[in-house]
Amino acid sequence: MSLMLGFGFFTAGIIKLLCGWLNPCHSMVYSYFLKFFYIYGLEGILSNVFLQRNWLPFWELQDWMTLFLEMGFLVAIFGL
């Protein structure tokens, strides 16, 4: 079960890596945040703080962390 879960996360990470998730011109996590805030109307506790400031390094770090998390699952399974 853990191998299937790790492989699923790993394939999602590979797709993001190949499709330009890490493009430095824009942040994908920030675009998802804006979509969920304006289109779906979902507000979190810190949504207004994130909307008032455009922290590009913060959002790029979130893009990298998402990719490392998803691609690290399969490495963690085989490393144990």
PDB file of N, CA and C in Angstrom:
ATOM      1  N   MET A   1       0.826  -1.192   0.000  1.00  0.00           N
ATOM      2  CA  MET A   1       0.000   0.000   0.000  1.00  0.00           C
ATOM      3  C   MET A   1       0.876   1.265   0.000  1.00  0.00           C
ATOM      4  N   SER A   2       1.924   1.246   0.819  1.00  0.00           N
ATOM      5  CA  SER A   2       2.791   2.427   0.867  1.00  0.00           C
ATOM      6  C   SER A   2       3.557   2.600  -0.439  1.00  0.00           C
ATOM      7  N   LEU A   3       3.898   1.505  -1.105  1.00  0.00           N
ATOM      8  CA  LEU A   3       4.580   1.610  -2.387  1.00  0.00           C
ATOM      9  C   LEU A   3       3.673   2.225  -3.440  1.00  0.00           C
ATOM     10  N   MET A   4       2.400   1.854  -3.443  1.00  0.00           N
ATOM     11  CA  MET A   4       1.453   2.448  -4.407  1.00  0.00           C
ATOM     12  C   MET A   4       1.249   3.932  -4.124  1.00  0.00           C
ATOM     13  N   LEU A   5       1.143   4.297  -2.865  1.00  0.00           N
ATOM     14  CA  LEU A   5       0.990   5.701  -2.506  1.00  0.00           C
ATOM     15  C   LEU A   5       2.232   6.501  -2.887  1.00  0.00           C
ATOM     16  N   GLY A   6       3.403   5.954  -2.594  1.00  0.00           N
ATOM     17  CA  GLY A   6       4.647   6.625  -2.960  1.00  0.00           C
ATOM     18  C   GLY A   6       4.807   6.767  -4.459  1.00  0.00           C
ATOM     19  N   PHE A   7       4.427   5.732  -5.208  1.00  0.00           N
ATOM     20  CA  PHE A   7       4.513   5.809  -6.665  1.00  0.00           C
ATOM     21  C   PHE A   7       3.538   6.833  -7.224  1.00  0.00           C
ATOM     22  N   GLY A   8       2.356   6.934  -6.626  1.00  0.00           N
ATOM     23  CA  GLY A   8       1.387   7.946  -7.061  1.00  0.00           C
ATOM     24  C   GLY A   8       1.901   9.358  -6.859  1.00  0.00           C
ATOM     25  N   PHE A   9       2.474   9.621  -5.696  1.00  0.00           N
ATOM     26  CA  PHE A   9       3.053  10.937  -5.449  1.00  0.00           C
ATOM     27  C   PHE A   9       4.238  11.201  -6.374  1.00  0.00           C
ATOM     28  N   PHE A  10       5.057  10.180  -6.597  1.00  0.00           N
ATOM     29  CA  PHE A  10       6.223  10.341  -7.451  1.00  0.00           C
ATOM     30  C   PHE A  10       5.819  10.691  -8.889  1.00  0.00           C
ATOM     31  N   THR A  11       4.796  10.029  -9.421  1.00  0.00           N
ATOM     32  CA  THR A  11       4.352  10.339 -10.786  1.00  0.00           C
ATOM     33  C   THR A  11       3.763  11.746 -10.865  1.00  0.00           C
ATOM     34  N   ALA A  12       3.092  12.199  -9.823  1.00  0.00           N
ATOM     35  CA  ALA A  12       2.594  13.578  -9.817  1.00  0.00           C
ATOM     36  C   ALA A  12       3.758  14.566  -9.815  1.00  0.00           C
ATOM     37  N   GLY A  13       4.823  14.246  -9.096  1.00  0.00           N
ATOM     38  CA  GLY A  13       6.005  15.113  -9.079  1.00  0.00           C
ATOM     39  C   GLY A  13       6.712  15.147 -10.418  1.00  0.00           C
ATOM     40  N   ILE A  14       6.799  13.994 -11.088  1.00  0.00           N
ATOM     41  CA  ILE A  14       7.441  13.948 -12.413  1.00  0.00           C
ATOM     42  C   ILE A  14       6.671  14.810 -13.411  1.00  0.00           C
ATOM     43  N   ILE A  15       5.352  14.737 -13.386  1.00  0.00           N
ATOM     44  CA  ILE A  15       4.533  15.553 -14.289  1.00  0.00           C
ATOM     45  C   ILE A  15       4.763  17.037 -14.026  1.00  0.00           C
ATOM     46  N   LYS A  16       4.815  17.427 -12.760  1.00  0.00           N
ATOM     47  CA  LYS A  16       5.055  18.831 -12.431  1.00  0.00           C
ATOM     48  C   LYS A  16       6.445  19.273 -12.869  1.00  0.00           C
ATOM     49  N   LEU A  17       7.420  18.397 -12.736  1.00  0.00           N
ATOM     50  CA  LEU A  17       8.779  18.731 -13.145  1.00  0.00           C
ATOM     51  C   LEU A  17       8.878  18.921 -14.652  1.00  0.00           C
ATOM     52  N   LEU A  18       8.204  18.092 -15.417  1.00  0.00           N
ATOM     53  CA  LEU A  18       8.277  18.169 -16.871  1.00  0.00           C
ATOM     54  C   LEU A  18       7.408  19.269 -17.481  1.00  0.00           C
ATOM     55  N   CYS A  19       6.384  19.695 -16.773  1.00  0.00           N
ATOM     56  CA  CYS A  19       5.437  20.669 -17.341  1.00  0.00           C
ATOM     57  C   CYS A  19       5.706  22.103 -16.922  1.00  0.00           C
ATOM     58  N   GLY A  20       6.807  22.386 -16.265  1.00  0.00           N
ATOM     59  CA  GLY A  20       7.162  23.763 -15.960  1.00  0.00           C
ATOM     60  C   GLY A  20       6.648  24.283 -14.639  1.00  0.00           C
ATOM     61  N   TRP A  21       6.471  23.433 -13.666  1.00  0.00           N
ATOM     62  CA  TRP A  21       6.012  23.859 -12.346  1.00  0.00           C
ATOM     63  C   TRP A  21       7.008  24.814 -11.703  1.00  0.00           C
ATOM     64  N   LEU A  22       8.297  24.648 -11.995  1.00  0.00           N
ATOM     65  CA  LEU A  22       9.344  25.454 -11.379  1.00  0.00           C
ATOM     66  C   LEU A  22       9.750  26.663 -12.219  1.00  0.00           C
ATOM     67  N   ASN A  23       8.889  27.123 -13.089  1.00  0.00           N
ATOM     68  CA  ASN A  23       9.177  28.289 -13.907  1.00  0.00           C
ATOM     69  C   ASN A  23       9.335  29.512 -12.999  1.00  0.00           C
ATOM     70  N   PRO A  24      10.476  30.193 -13.039  1.00  0.00           N
ATOM     71  CA  PRO A  24      10.686  31.320 -12.127  1.00  0.00           C
ATOM     72  C   PRO A  24       9.874  32.565 -12.477  1.00  0.00           C
ATOM     73  N   CYS A  25       9.234  32.597 -13.614  1.00  0.00           N
ATOM     74  CA  CYS A  25       8.450  33.777 -13.997  1.00  0.00           C
ATOM     75  C   CYS A  25       7.129  33.874 -13.248  1.00  0.00           C
ATOM     76  N   HIS A  26       6.598  32.741 -12.818  1.00  0.00           N
ATOM     77  CA  HIS A  26       5.342  32.758 -12.066  1.00  0.00           C
ATOM     78  C   HIS A  26       5.315  31.574 -11.106  1.00  0.00           C
ATOM     79  N   SER A  27       4.470  31.680 -10.112  1.00  0.00           N
ATOM     80  CA  SER A  27       4.373  30.635  -9.103  1.00  0.00           C
ATOM     81  C   SER A  27       3.066  29.880  -9.263  1.00  0.00           C
ATOM     82  N   MET A  28       3.154  28.574  -9.324  1.00  0.00           N
ATOM     83  CA  MET A  28       1.951  27.759  -9.484  1.00  0.00           C
ATOM     84  C   MET A  28       1.162  27.680  -8.177  1.00  0.00           C
ATOM     85  N   VAL A  29       1.832  27.645  -7.039  1.00  0.00           N
ATOM     86  CA  VAL A  29       1.129  27.593  -5.757  1.00  0.00           C
ATOM     87  C   VAL A  29       0.333  28.877  -5.556  1.00  0.00           C
ATOM     88  N   TYR A  30       0.914  30.020  -5.923  1.00  0.00           N
ATOM     89  CA  TYR A  30       0.215  31.297  -5.802  1.00  0.00           C
ATOM     90  C   TYR A  30      -0.989  31.351  -6.735  1.00  0.00           C
ATOM     91  N   SER A  31      -0.863  30.796  -7.929  1.00  0.00           N
ATOM     92  CA  SER A  31      -2.012  30.794  -8.848  1.00  0.00           C
ATOM     93  C   SER A  31      -3.124  29.891  -8.336  1.00  0.00           C
ATOM     94  N   TYR A  32      -2.769  28.753  -7.727  1.00  0.00           N
ATOM     95  CA  TYR A  32      -3.793  27.908  -7.114  1.00  0.00           C
ATOM     96  C   TYR A  32      -4.451  28.614  -5.938  1.00  0.00           C
ATOM     97  N   PHE A  33      -3.653  29.329  -5.147  1.00  0.00           N
ATOM     98  CA  PHE A  33      -4.201  30.088  -4.027  1.00  0.00           C
ATOM     99  C   PHE A  33      -5.199  31.127  -4.514  1.00  0.00           C
ATOM    100  N   LEU A  34      -4.856  31.874  -5.563  1.00  0.00           N
ATOM    101  CA  LEU A  34      -5.762  32.886  -6.101  1.00  0.00           C
ATOM    102  C   LEU A  34      -7.026  32.265  -6.680  1.00  0.00           C
ATOM    103  N   LYS A  35      -6.874  31.123  -7.338  1.00  0.00           N
ATOM    104  CA  LYS A  35      -8.046  30.448  -7.906  1.00  0.00           C
ATOM    105  C   LYS A  35      -9.016  30.016  -6.811  1.00  0.00           C
ATOM    106  N   PHE A  36      -8.492  29.405  -5.771  1.00  0.00           N
ATOM    107  CA  PHE A  36      -9.369  28.951  -4.701  1.00  0.00           C
ATOM    108  C   PHE A  36      -9.971  30.113  -3.919  1.00  0.00           C
ATOM    109  N   PHE A  37      -9.272  31.241  -3.845  1.00  0.00           N
ATOM    110  CA  PHE A  37      -9.790  32.386  -3.115  1.00  0.00           C
ATOM    111  C   PHE A  37     -10.871  33.118  -3.908  1.00  0.00           C
ATOM    112  N   TYR A  38     -10.577  33.447  -5.171  1.00  0.00           N
ATOM    113  CA  TYR A  38     -11.511  34.267  -5.941  1.00  0.00           C
ATOM    114  C   TYR A  38     -12.606  33.469  -6.642  1.00  0.00           C
ATOM    115  N   ILE A  39     -12.282  32.324  -7.185  1.00  0.00           N
ATOM    116  CA  ILE A  39     -13.278  31.569  -7.951  1.00  0.00           C
ATOM    117  C   ILE A  39     -14.152  30.710  -7.037  1.00  0.00           C
ATOM    118  N   TYR A  40     -13.530  29.964  -6.132  1.00  0.00           N
ATOM    119  CA  TYR A  40     -14.285  29.069  -5.264  1.00  0.00           C
ATOM    120  C   TYR A  40     -14.730  29.726  -3.963  1.00  0.00           C
ATOM    121  N   GLY A  41     -14.155  30.863  -3.637  1.00  0.00           N
ATOM    122  CA  GLY A  41     -14.544  31.587  -2.427  1.00  0.00           C
ATOM    123  C   GLY A  41     -14.062  30.965  -1.134  1.00  0.00           C
ATOM    124  N   LEU A  42     -12.991  30.190  -1.185  1.00  0.00           N
ATOM    125  CA  LEU A  42     -12.460  29.564   0.020  1.00  0.00           C
ATOM    126  C   LEU A  42     -11.453  30.504   0.677  1.00  0.00           C
ATOM    127  N   GLU A  43     -11.707  30.847   1.912  1.00  0.00           N
ATOM    128  CA  GLU A  43     -10.821  31.743   2.643  1.00  0.00           C
ATOM    129  C   GLU A  43     -10.211  31.022   3.821  1.00  0.00           C
ATOM    130  N   GLY A  44      -8.917  31.211   4.019  1.00  0.00           N
ATOM    131  CA  GLY A  44      -8.228  30.666   5.172  1.00  0.00           C
ATOM    132  C   GLY A  44      -8.001  31.751   6.210  1.00  0.00           C
ATOM    133  N   ILE A  45      -7.348  31.380   7.274  1.00  0.00           N
ATOM    134  CA  ILE A  45      -7.102  32.325   8.358  1.00  0.00           C
ATOM    135  C   ILE A  45      -6.173  33.444   7.906  1.00  0.00           C
ATOM    136  N   LEU A  46      -5.146  33.114   7.123  1.00  0.00           N
ATOM    137  CA  LEU A  46      -4.152  34.102   6.696  1.00  0.00           C
ATOM    138  C   LEU A  46      -4.329  34.544   5.242  1.00  0.00           C
ATOM    139  N   SER A  47      -5.494  34.332   4.666  1.00  0.00           N
ATOM    140  CA  SER A  47      -5.703  34.687   3.253  1.00  0.00           C
ATOM    141  C   SER A  47      -5.497  36.170   2.988  1.00  0.00           C
ATOM    142  N   ASN A  48      -5.990  37.015   3.859  1.00  0.00           N
ATOM    143  CA  ASN A  48      -5.843  38.460   3.643  1.00  0.00           C
ATOM    144  C   ASN A  48      -4.388  38.899   3.737  1.00  0.00           C
ATOM    145  N   VAL A  49      -3.612  38.265   4.592  1.00  0.00           N
ATOM    146  CA  VAL A  49      -2.185  38.609   4.703  1.00  0.00           C
ATOM    147  C   VAL A  49      -1.464  38.247   3.408  1.00  0.00           C
ATOM    148  N   PHE A  50      -1.772  37.076   2.856  1.00  0.00           N
ATOM    149  CA  PHE A  50      -1.122  36.652   1.621  1.00  0.00           C
ATOM    150  C   PHE A  50      -1.574  37.475   0.425  1.00  0.00           C
ATOM    151  N   LEU A  51      -2.797  37.996   0.451  1.00  0.00           N
ATOM    152  CA  LEU A  51      -3.266  38.822  -0.663  1.00  0.00           C
ATOM    153  C   LEU A  51      -2.684  40.226  -0.632  1.00  0.00           C
ATOM    154  N   GLN A  52      -2.389  40.747   0.528  1.00  0.00           N
ATOM    155  CA  GLN A  52      -1.877  42.113   0.637  1.00  0.00           C
ATOM    156  C   GLN A  52      -0.424  42.237   0.189  1.00  0.00           C
ATOM    157  N   ARG A  53       0.321  41.141   0.282  1.00  0.00           N
ATOM    158  CA  ARG A  53       1.740  41.178  -0.076  1.00  0.00           C
ATOM    159  C   ARG A  53       2.016  40.126  -1.134  1.00  0.00           C
ATOM    160  N   ASN A  54       2.816  40.480  -2.095  1.00  0.00           N
ATOM    161  CA  ASN A  54       3.228  39.517  -3.112  1.00  0.00           C
ATOM    162  C   ASN A  54       4.654  39.081  -2.785  1.00  0.00           C
ATOM    163  N   TRP A  55       4.784  38.001  -2.048  1.00  0.00           N
ATOM    164  CA  TRP A  55       6.076  37.476  -1.627  1.00  0.00           C
ATOM    165  C   TRP A  55       6.521  36.447  -2.636  1.00  0.00           C
ATOM    166  N   LEU A  56       7.128  36.867  -3.727  1.00  0.00           N
ATOM    167  CA  LEU A  56       7.528  35.938  -4.778  1.00  0.00           C
ATOM    168  C   LEU A  56       8.520  34.878  -4.297  1.00  0.00           C
ATOM    169  N   PRO A  57       9.539  35.222  -3.489  1.00  0.00           N
ATOM    170  CA  PRO A  57      10.428  34.153  -2.999  1.00  0.00           C
ATOM    171  C   PRO A  57       9.692  33.119  -2.132  1.00  0.00           C
ATOM    172  N   PHE A  58       8.732  33.551  -1.345  1.00  0.00           N
ATOM    173  CA  PHE A  58       7.946  32.632  -0.532  1.00  0.00           C
ATOM    174  C   PHE A  58       7.157  31.663  -1.406  1.00  0.00           C
ATOM    175  N   TRP A  59       6.525  32.174  -2.456  1.00  0.00           N
ATOM    176  CA  TRP A  59       5.717  31.325  -3.326  1.00  0.00           C
ATOM    177  C   TRP A  59       6.599  30.382  -4.143  1.00  0.00           C
ATOM    178  N   GLU A  60       7.769  30.848  -4.569  1.00  0.00           N
ATOM    179  CA  GLU A  60       8.681  29.958  -5.298  1.00  0.00           C
ATOM    180  C   GLU A  60       9.200  28.847  -4.387  1.00  0.00           C
ATOM    181  N   LEU A  61       9.456  29.181  -3.132  1.00  0.00           N
ATOM    182  CA  LEU A  61       9.869  28.160  -2.178  1.00  0.00           C
ATOM    183  C   LEU A  61       8.773  27.113  -2.006  1.00  0.00           C
ATOM    184  N   GLN A  62       7.527  27.534  -2.006  1.00  0.00           N
ATOM    185  CA  GLN A  62       6.416  26.590  -1.904  1.00  0.00           C
ATOM    186  C   GLN A  62       6.345  25.686  -3.131  1.00  0.00           C
ATOM    187  N   ASP A  63       6.649  26.215  -4.306  1.00  0.00           N
ATOM    188  CA  ASP A  63       6.699  25.383  -5.516  1.00  0.00           C
ATOM    189  C   ASP A  63       7.763  24.294  -5.383  1.00  0.00           C
ATOM    190  N   TRP A  64       8.952  24.684  -4.928  1.00  0.00           N
ATOM    191  CA  TRP A  64      10.038  23.718  -4.765  1.00  0.00           C
ATOM    192  C   TRP A  64       9.709  22.683  -3.692  1.00  0.00           C
ATOM    193  N   MET A  65       9.126  23.121  -2.578  1.00  0.00           N
ATOM    194  CA  MET A  65       8.794  22.195  -1.497  1.00  0.00           C
ATOM    195  C   MET A  65       7.727  21.187  -1.929  1.00  0.00           C
ATOM    196  N   THR A  66       6.777  21.628  -2.735  1.00  0.00           N
ATOM    197  CA  THR A  66       5.762  20.708  -3.252  1.00  0.00           C
ATOM    198  C   THR A  66       6.401  19.634  -4.104  1.00  0.00           C
ATOM    199  N   LEU A  67       7.310  20.028  -4.947  1.00  0.00           N
ATOM    200  CA  LEU A  67       7.978  19.067  -5.815  1.00  0.00           C
ATOM    201  C   LEU A  67       8.863  18.105  -5.015  1.00  0.00           C
ATOM    202  N   PHE A  68       9.604  18.617  -4.044  1.00  0.00           N
ATOM    203  CA  PHE A  68      10.434  17.742  -3.212  1.00  0.00           C
ATOM    204  C   PHE A  68       9.592  16.770  -2.394  1.00  0.00           C
ATOM    205  N   LEU A  69       8.464  17.229  -1.886  1.00  0.00           N
ATOM    206  CA  LEU A  69       7.590  16.360  -1.108  1.00  0.00           C
ATOM    207  C   LEU A  69       7.065  15.217  -1.964  1.00  0.00           C
ATOM    208  N   GLU A  70       6.571  15.550  -3.156  1.00  0.00           N
ATOM    209  CA  GLU A  70       5.971  14.515  -3.991  1.00  0.00           C
ATOM    210  C   GLU A  70       7.008  13.544  -4.545  1.00  0.00           C
ATOM    211  N   MET A  71       8.167  14.027  -4.911  1.00  0.00           N
ATOM    212  CA  MET A  71       9.171  13.133  -5.470  1.00  0.00           C
ATOM    213  C   MET A  71       9.957  12.408  -4.383  1.00  0.00           C
ATOM    214  N   GLY A  72       9.872  12.880  -3.152  1.00  0.00           N
ATOM    215  CA  GLY A  72      10.599  12.249  -2.075  1.00  0.00           C
ATOM    216  C   GLY A  72       9.913  11.030  -1.484  1.00  0.00           C
ATOM    217  N   PHE A  73       8.644  10.814  -1.788  1.00  0.00           N
ATOM    218  CA  PHE A  73       7.938   9.678  -1.224  1.00  0.00           C
ATOM    219  C   PHE A  73       8.536   8.360  -1.684  1.00  0.00           C
ATOM    220  N   LEU A  74       8.791   8.235  -2.946  1.00  0.00           N
ATOM    221  CA  LEU A  74       9.335   6.974  -3.462  1.00  0.00           C
ATOM    222  C   LEU A  74      10.765   6.761  -2.973  1.00  0.00           C
ATOM    223  N   VAL A  75      11.539   7.804  -2.866  1.00  0.00           N
ATOM    224  CA  VAL A  75      12.895   7.699  -2.341  1.00  0.00           C
ATOM    225  C   VAL A  75      12.847   7.264  -0.875  1.00  0.00           C
ATOM    226  N   ALA A  76      11.912   7.793  -0.112  1.00  0.00           N
ATOM    227  CA  ALA A  76      11.792   7.416   1.299  1.00  0.00           C
ATOM    228  C   ALA A  76      11.382   5.960   1.464  1.00  0.00           C
ATOM    229  N   ILE A  77      10.543   5.473   0.589  1.00  0.00           N
ATOM    230  CA  ILE A  77      10.108   4.071   0.698  1.00  0.00           C
ATOM    231  C   ILE A  77      11.265   3.120   0.421  1.00  0.00           C
ATOM    232  N   PHE A  78      12.045   3.393  -0.606  1.00  0.00           N
ATOM    233  CA  PHE A  78      13.156   2.516  -0.930  1.00  0.00           C
ATOM    234  C   PHE A  78      14.333   2.719   0.022  1.00  0.00           C
ATOM    235  N   GLY A  79      14.387   3.868   0.676  1.00  0.00           N
ATOM    236  CA  GLY A  79      15.477   4.116   1.613  1.00  0.00           C
ATOM    237  C   GLY A  79      15.297   3.408   2.946  1.00  0.00           C
ATOM    238  N   LEU A  80      14.067   3.028   3.243  1.00  0.00           N
ATOM    239  CA  LEU A  80      13.819   2.368   4.536  1.00  0.00           C
ATOM    240  C   LEU A  80      14.069   0.922   4.485  1.00  0.00           C
TER     241      LEU A  80
END
